[in-house]
C-alpha atoms as a PDB file:
ATOM      1  CA  MET A   1     104.256 131.384  60.911  1.00  0.00           C
ATOM      2  CA  LEU A   2     101.723 129.175  62.386  1.00  0.00           C
ATOM      3  CA  ALA A   3     103.671 126.444  63.235  1.00  0.00           C
ATOM      4  CA  THR A   4     104.744 127.176  66.481  1.00  0.00           C
ATOM      5  CA  PRO A   5     103.211 128.697  69.308  1.00  0.00           C
ATOM      6  CA  ALA A   6     105.530 131.718  69.148  1.00  0.00           C
ATOM      7  CA  GLY A   7     104.594 131.966  65.564  1.00  0.00           C
ATOM      8  CA  ARG A   8     100.578 131.688  66.619  1.00  0.00           C
ATOM      9  CA  PHE A   9     101.293 133.843  69.390  1.00  0.00           C
ATOM     10  CA  ARG A  10     102.379 136.793  67.214  1.00  0.00           C
ATOM     11  CA  ALA A  11      99.487 136.126  64.809  1.00  0.00           C
ATOM     12  CA  ILE A  12      96.883 136.610  67.350  1.00  0.00           C
ATOM     13  CA  ALA A  13      98.615 139.986  68.763  1.00  0.00           C
ATOM     14  CA  LEU A  14      98.839 141.100  65.252  1.00  0.00           C
ATOM     15  CA  ALA A  15      94.939 140.217  64.991  1.00  0.00           C
ATOM     16  CA  GLU A  16      94.199 141.761  68.150  1.00  0.00           C
ATOM     17  CA  ALA A  17      95.501 145.164  67.501  1.00  0.00           C
ATOM     18  CA  VAL A  18      94.033 145.395  64.311  1.00  0.00           C
ATOM     19  CA  SER A  19      90.768 144.700  65.585  1.00  0.00           C
ATOM     20  CA  TRP A  20      90.930 147.263  68.425  1.00  0.00           C
ATOM     21  CA  LEU A  21      92.272 149.327  65.127  1.00  0.00           C
ATOM     22  CA  GLY A  22      88.995 148.963  63.881  1.00  0.00           C
ATOM     23  CA  LEU A  23      86.806 149.539  66.914  1.00  0.00           C
ATOM     24  CA  LEU A  24      88.401 152.575  67.633  1.00  0.00           C
ATOM     25  CA  ILE A  25      87.397 153.764  64.025  1.00  0.00           C
ATOM     26  CA  GLY A  26      84.458 152.758  64.359  1.00  0.00           C
ATOM     27  CA  MET A  27      83.540 154.437  67.491  1.00  0.00           C
ATOM     28  CA  TYR A  28      85.203 157.837  66.493  1.00  0.00           C
ATOM     29  CA  PHE A  29      82.364 157.919  63.571  1.00  0.00           C
ATOM     30  CA  LYS A  30      79.551 156.770  65.841  1.00  0.00           C
ATOM     31  CA  TYR A  31      80.508 159.531  68.594  1.00  0.00           C
ATOM     32  CA  LEU A  32      82.742 161.729  66.927  1.00  0.00           C
ATOM     33  CA  GLY A  33      81.862 161.440  63.246  1.00  0.00           C
ATOM     34  CA  GLY A  34      77.525 161.605  62.827  1.00  0.00           C
ATOM     35  CA  GLY A  35      76.219 158.889  64.594  1.00  0.00           C
ATOM     36  CA  ALA A  36      76.953 156.129  62.291  1.00  0.00           C
ATOM     37  CA  GLU A  37      77.516 153.214  64.234  1.00  0.00           C
ATOM     38  CA  ILE A  38      78.058 149.925  61.179  1.00  0.00           C
ATOM     39  CA  GLY A  39      82.053 149.916  62.759  1.00  0.00           C
ATOM     40  CA  VAL A  40      80.881 149.672  65.741  1.00  0.00           C
ATOM     41  CA  LYS A  41      78.558 146.568  65.041  1.00  0.00           C
ATOM     42  CA  ILE A  42      81.399 144.997  62.689  1.00  0.00           C
ATOM     43  CA  PHE A  43      83.996 145.575  65.071  1.00  0.00           C
ATOM     44  CA  GLY A  44      82.912 145.477  68.366  1.00  0.00           C
ATOM     45  CA  PRO A  45      82.507 141.333  68.313  1.00  0.00           C
ATOM     46  CA  ILE A  46      85.449 141.210  66.244  1.00  0.00           C
ATOM     47  CA  HIS A  47      87.606 142.542  68.783  1.00  0.00           C
ATOM     48  CA  GLY A  48      85.969 140.582  71.409  1.00  0.00           C
ATOM     49  CA  ALA A  49      86.647 137.593  69.955  1.00  0.00           C
ATOM     50  CA  MET A  50      90.215 138.353  69.546  1.00  0.00           C
ATOM     51  CA  PHE A  51      90.811 139.471  72.826  1.00  0.00           C
ATOM     52  CA  ILE A  52      89.505 136.592  74.276  1.00  0.00           C
ATOM     53  CA  GLY A  53      92.124 134.685  71.208  1.00  0.00           C
ATOM     54  CA  TYR A  54      94.697 136.437  72.734  1.00  0.00           C
ATOM     55  CA  VAL A  55      93.546 135.963  76.688  1.00  0.00           C
ATOM     56  CA  LEU A  56      93.206 132.224  75.636  1.00  0.00           C
ATOM     57  CA  ILE A  57      96.968 131.732  73.328  1.00  0.00           C
ATOM     58  CA  THR A  58      98.597 133.976  76.149  1.00  0.00           C
ATOM     59  CA  LEU A  59      97.912 130.936  78.314  1.00  0.00           C
ATOM     60  CA  TRP A  60      98.400 128.314  76.083  1.00  0.00           C
ATOM     61  CA  VAL A  61     102.035 129.787  75.670  1.00  0.00           C
ATOM     62  CA  VAL A  62     103.311 130.106  78.877  1.00  0.00           C
ATOM     63  CA  LYS A  63     104.918 126.441  79.441  1.00  0.00           C
ATOM     64  CA  PRO A  64     106.214 126.045  75.596  1.00  0.00           C
ATOM     65  CA  LEU A  65     107.551 129.709  75.933  1.00  0.00           C
ATOM     66  CA  ARG A  66     108.797 128.911  79.342  1.00  0.00           C
ATOM     67  CA  TRP A  67     107.495 132.274  80.531  1.00  0.00           C
ATOM     68  CA  ASP A  68     107.666 132.884  84.167  1.00  0.00           C
ATOM     69  CA  GLY A  69     104.990 135.042  86.503  1.00  0.00           C
ATOM     70  CA  ARG A  70     106.000 138.533  85.119  1.00  0.00           C
ATOM     71  CA  MET A  71     106.138 138.039  81.702  1.00  0.00           C
ATOM     72  CA  THR A  72     102.427 136.160  81.591  1.00  0.00           C
ATOM     73  CA  VAL A  73     101.268 139.071  83.027  1.00  0.00           C
ATOM     74  CA  MET A  74     102.977 141.522  81.170  1.00  0.00           C
ATOM     75  CA  ALA A  75     101.150 139.941  78.214  1.00  0.00           C
ATOM     76  CA  LEU A  76      97.933 139.971  79.767  1.00  0.00           C
ATOM     77  CA  LEU A  77      97.968 143.706  80.029  1.00  0.00           C
ATOM     78  CA  ALA A  78      98.865 144.226  77.463  1.00  0.00           C
ATOM     79  CA  SER A  79      95.448 143.263  75.323  1.00  0.00           C
ATOM     80  CA  ILE A  80      93.921 145.994  77.788  1.00  0.00           C
ATOM     81  CA  PRO A  81      95.141 149.188  75.995  1.00  0.00           C
ATOM     82  CA  PRO A  82      94.659 149.575  72.245  1.00  0.00           C
ATOM     83  CA  LEU A  83      97.489 147.978  70.322  1.00  0.00           C
ATOM     84  CA  CYS A  84      99.885 147.301  72.985  1.00  0.00           C
ATOM     85  CA  SER A  85      99.606 143.968  72.467  1.00  0.00           C
ATOM     86  CA  VAL A  86     102.412 144.738  69.191  1.00  0.00           C
ATOM     87  CA  LEU A  87     104.528 146.168  71.048  1.00  0.00           C
ATOM     88  CA  PHE A  88     104.460 143.457  73.821  1.00  0.00           C
ATOM     89  CA  GLU A  89     104.918 141.319  70.745  1.00  0.00           C
ATOM     90  CA  ARG A  90     108.012 143.484  69.837  1.00  0.00           C
ATOM     91  CA  ILE A  91     109.703 144.220  73.436  1.00  0.00           C
ATOM     92  CA  ALA A  92     109.433 140.083  74.114  1.00  0.00           C
ATOM     93  CA  THR A  93     110.975 139.613  70.538  1.00  0.00           C
ATOM     94  CA  ARG A  94     113.314 141.988  71.608  1.00  0.00           C
ATOM     95  CA  LYS A  95     114.112 140.133  74.619  1.00  0.00           C
ATOM     96  CA  GLY A  96     114.360 136.805  73.386  1.00  0.00           C
ATOM     97  CA  ARG A  97     111.095 135.426  75.178  1.00  0.00           C
ATOM     98  CA  LEU A  98     109.379 134.339  71.912  1.00  0.00           C
ATOM     99  CA  ASP A  99     112.378 131.928  70.667  1.00  0.00           C
ATOM    100  CA  PRO A 100     111.454 128.556  70.563  1.00  0.00           C
ATOM    101  CA  VAL A 101     112.642 126.849  73.877  1.00  0.00           C
ATOM    102  CA  GLU A 102     115.245 124.486  72.698  1.00  0.00           C
ATOM    103  CA  THR A 103     114.983 121.149  74.072  1.00  0.00           C
ATOM    104  CA  THR A 104     118.001 118.474  74.527  1.00  0.00           C
ATOM    105  CA  ALA A 105     117.806 115.104  74.206  1.00  0.00           C
ATOM    106  CA  VAL A 106     118.162 112.995  77.711  1.00  0.00           C
ATOM    107  CA  ARG A 107     119.792 109.763  77.527  1.00  0.00           C
END
């Protein structure tokens, strides 16, 4: 799975979404569930790292996956709302934008 640019993108998109979910649960307990801050203290930095990783991997896969500016901007915007990185990954997969690009040898 991690051997291709698309596989790396899929992995970090899922990790970013899971970290968002953890942060949201932590925020629930902090603000609505009695003030326990441990979830935010744990998942805040994890999500920050996953967010930065998602942005970096998105910029890295632009060339190998031959994404145009629109697809790149959509991928970057998907990092902002909770769980949208996975939604973007599903849409990109369905549209064939995460398929490995085949190259032909020129002789």
